[in-house]
Amino acid sequence: MNFPAAPHFSGLIGATHDRSVVYWAAGMNASPGIELMAETGGKSLLEGDINSSIAAGHSVSLLSGSGIGVSPGNVTLEFEITREHPLVTLVSMIAPSPDWFVGVHGLNLLRGNQWVEDISVELMAYDAGTDDGTDYVSSDHDTQPRDPITAITGAPFLNNGSVRPVGTFRFTRINP
């Protein structure tokens, strides 16, 4: 399968939060916010979920940044994190695609009693389970019933017998 024309990543969206919040994880069904992000790059529904979690005291920071308009590329996003909310969840749509995305969920940046100084996370492609498309430019066709979120281990990300990461998130502490 050929790489698509104009590959890019949508804007970043996520939160810092405590353990009571799970915005997404492999094996669970995508929320409407994850579905919108994975299918269109839209952030509004997930932003609403995050703002509700902030109001309830379970999240502390809304993370929202630009995307990568031309891949390869990079984006920088600064955010605050607290000992009460040491987890970070961050996602971005793989575009074009039916419902594919990259991200981290519940990444703990507090190890023991120390903040992680620097960590890189290789990003594997995930299928949100909301669209039946099988290639980058598949037409929109809702999955009924929905499938759970799964790591994509086959085409188009399988190359010479292995699935390779499609990007990297790097978290670096800047205010010791």
Protein backbone atom coordinates (compact mmCIF):
# COMPACT_ATOMS: atom_id res chain seq x y z
CA MET A 1 0.00 0.00 0.00
CA ASN A 2 1.34 3.41 -0.91
CA PHE A 3 1.89 6.23 1.54
CA PRO A 4 -0.88 8.85 1.14
CA ALA A 5 -0.52 12.27 -0.44
CA ALA A 6 -0.14 15.12 2.08
CA PRO A 7 0.35 13.01 5.24
CA HIS A 8 -0.08 14.99 8.44
CA PHE A 9 -1.19 14.88 12.06
CA SER A 10 -4.12 16.84 13.48
CA GLY A 11 -3.80 19.24 16.38
CA LEU A 12 -2.80 17.76 19.72
CA ILE A 13 -5.48 17.38 22.39
CA GLY A 14 -5.25 15.92 25.87
CA ALA A 15 -5.05 16.54 29.59
CA THR A 16 -3.09 16.07 32.77
CA HIS A 17 -5.21 14.07 35.18
CA ASP A 18 -5.50 11.68 38.11
CA ARG A 19 -6.11 7.92 38.01
CA SER A 20 -9.91 8.23 38.05
CA VAL A 21 -9.94 9.47 34.43
CA VAL A 22 -9.43 7.30 31.35
CA TYR A 23 -9.93 9.22 28.12
CA TRP A 24 -8.98 6.25 25.93
CA ALA A 25 -7.22 2.89 26.10
CA ALA A 26 -6.81 -0.12 23.86
CA GLY A 27 -9.73 -2.48 24.43
CA MET A 28 -12.30 0.16 25.36
CA ASN A 29 -14.82 1.73 23.00
CA ALA A 30 -13.99 5.20 21.75
CA SER A 31 -15.91 8.06 23.33
CA PRO A 32 -17.61 10.52 20.97
CA GLY A 33 -14.65 12.87 21.61
CA ILE A 34 -12.07 10.25 20.61
CA GLU A 35 -14.22 9.31 17.59
CA LEU A 36 -14.36 12.93 16.36
CA MET A 37 -10.62 13.42 16.87
CA ALA A 38 -9.73 10.11 15.13
CA GLU A 39 -12.08 10.59 12.17
CA THR A 40 -11.77 14.34 11.50
CA GLY A 41 -9.10 15.77 13.78
CA GLY A 42 -11.84 17.72 15.58
CA LYS A 43 -11.06 18.58 19.18
CA SER A 44 -14.30 20.18 20.44
CA LEU A 45 -15.99 17.11 22.01
CA LEU A 46 -12.83 15.85 23.71
CA GLU A 47 -12.12 19.39 24.91
CA GLY A 48 -15.60 19.42 26.47
CA ASP A 49 -14.91 16.09 28.21
CA ILE A 50 -11.62 17.44 29.54
CA ASN A 51 -13.16 20.70 30.75
CA SER A 52 -15.85 18.69 32.59
CA SER A 53 -13.12 16.62 34.22
CA ILE A 54 -11.27 19.80 35.23
CA ALA A 55 -14.46 21.17 36.78
CA ALA A 56 -14.87 17.90 38.72
CA GLY A 57 -11.27 18.13 39.98
CA HIS A 58 -10.01 15.02 38.15
CA SER A 59 -7.96 16.86 35.52
CA VAL A 60 -5.90 19.99 35.94
CA SER A 61 -4.68 21.06 32.48
CA LEU A 62 -6.23 21.02 29.04
CA LEU A 63 -3.49 20.31 26.51
CA SER A 64 -4.20 21.73 23.07
CA GLY A 65 -1.65 22.37 20.39
CA SER A 66 -1.19 22.59 16.68
CA GLY A 67 -0.74 19.64 14.41
CA ILE A 68 2.00 18.74 11.99
CA GLY A 69 0.86 20.08 8.63
CA VAL A 70 3.56 18.30 6.67
CA SER A 71 4.99 15.06 7.93
CA PRO A 72 7.72 14.66 9.04
CA GLY A 73 7.71 17.64 11.39
CA ASN A 74 7.36 18.55 15.04
CA VAL A 75 5.22 20.51 17.48
CA THR A 76 6.07 21.82 20.95
CA LEU A 77 3.51 22.11 23.74
CA GLU A 78 4.18 23.30 27.29
CA PHE A 79 1.91 22.33 30.17
CA GLU A 80 1.74 22.18 33.94
CA ILE A 81 1.34 18.97 35.88
CA THR A 82 0.79 18.40 39.61
CA ARG A 83 1.52 15.61 42.07
CA GLU A 84 -2.25 15.10 42.43
CA HIS A 85 -2.62 14.88 38.63
CA PRO A 86 0.62 13.26 37.41
CA LEU A 87 -0.80 11.45 34.39
CA VAL A 88 -0.87 12.75 30.83
CA THR A 89 -3.09 11.69 27.96
CA LEU A 90 -2.42 13.17 24.53
CA VAL A 91 -3.71 12.23 21.07
CA SER A 92 -3.54 13.28 17.42
CA MET A 93 -5.28 11.99 14.30
CA ILE A 94 -3.23 10.32 11.57
CA ALA A 95 -4.40 12.03 8.40
CA PRO A 96 -5.64 11.12 6.00
CA SER A 97 -7.20 8.03 7.55
CA PRO A 98 -10.61 6.55 8.36
CA ASP A 99 -10.24 6.64 12.18
CA TRP A 100 -6.58 6.18 13.00
CA PHE A 101 -4.68 8.07 15.65
CA VAL A 102 -1.58 8.13 17.82
CA GLY A 103 -1.33 8.90 21.49
CA VAL A 104 -0.44 8.13 25.04
CA HIS A 105 -2.96 7.42 27.77
CA GLY A 106 -2.36 7.77 31.48
CA LEU A 107 1.40 8.19 31.11
CA ASN A 108 2.71 8.73 34.64
CA LEU A 109 5.35 11.47 34.73
CA LEU A 110 5.90 11.02 38.47
CA ARG A 111 8.05 7.98 39.27
CA GLY A 112 8.16 7.26 42.98
CA ASN A 113 8.62 10.72 44.40
CA GLN A 114 10.56 12.16 41.46
CA TRP A 115 9.39 13.80 38.25
CA VAL A 116 10.58 12.21 35.03
CA GLU A 117 13.23 14.49 33.54
CA ASP A 118 12.97 13.27 29.95
CA ILE A 119 11.09 10.43 28.29
CA SER A 120 10.37 9.56 24.68
CA VAL A 121 7.37 7.44 23.77
CA GLU A 122 7.23 5.77 20.38
CA LEU A 123 3.78 6.21 18.89
CA MET A 124 2.07 3.25 17.31
CA ALA A 125 -1.03 3.65 15.17
CA TYR A 126 -4.42 2.91 16.76
CA ASP A 127 -7.78 2.23 15.15
CA ALA A 128 -10.62 3.94 17.01
CA GLY A 129 -13.07 1.19 15.94
CA THR A 130 -15.60 3.71 14.62
CA ASP A 131 -15.03 3.55 10.84
CA ASP A 132 -14.69 0.47 8.60
CA GLY A 133 -12.01 1.99 6.34
CA THR A 134 -8.93 -0.13 5.67
CA ASP A 135 -6.64 2.35 3.92
CA TYR A 136 -5.64 5.98 4.18
CA VAL A 137 -8.33 7.31 1.83
CA SER A 138 -11.24 4.94 2.51
CA SER A 139 -14.69 6.48 2.23
CA ASP A 140 -16.56 7.18 5.47
CA HIS A 141 -18.47 4.09 6.60
CA ASP A 142 -19.44 3.81 10.28
CA THR A 143 -18.58 0.58 12.08
CA GLN A 144 -21.77 -0.97 13.46
CA PRO A 145 -21.54 -2.11 16.14
CA ARG A 146 -18.43 -0.26 17.19
CA ASP A 147 -15.22 -2.15 17.73
CA PRO A 148 -12.91 -1.46 20.65
CA ILE A 149 -9.81 0.69 20.14
CA THR A 150 -6.96 -1.52 18.92
CA ALA A 151 -3.33 -1.14 17.94
CA ILE A 152 -2.98 -1.56 14.18
CA THR A 153 -0.72 -4.54 13.62
CA GLY A 154 -1.35 -5.11 9.92
CA ALA A 155 -1.58 -3.10 6.72
CA PRO A 156 -0.74 -0.37 6.09
CA PHE A 157 1.65 -0.19 9.07
CA LEU A 158 3.19 -3.66 8.68
CA ASN A 159 6.47 -3.32 6.82
CA ASN A 160 8.86 -6.21 6.16
CA GLY A 161 7.31 -8.27 8.93
CA SER A 162 7.22 -5.62 11.65
CA VAL A 163 5.04 -2.76 12.71
CA ARG A 164 6.99 0.43 13.18
CA PRO A 165 6.13 3.56 15.14
CA VAL A 166 4.72 6.48 13.17
CA GLY A 167 6.04 9.18 15.49
CA THR A 168 7.37 10.05 18.92
CA PHE A 169 6.13 12.10 21.86
CA ARG A 170 8.98 13.47 23.93
CA PHE A 171 8.26 14.80 27.42
CA THR A 172 10.98 16.99 28.91
CA ARG A 173 10.83 18.67 32.31
CA ILE A 174 11.63 22.37 31.88
CA ASN A 175 10.99 23.79 35.36
CA PRO A 176 12.81 21.76 38.02
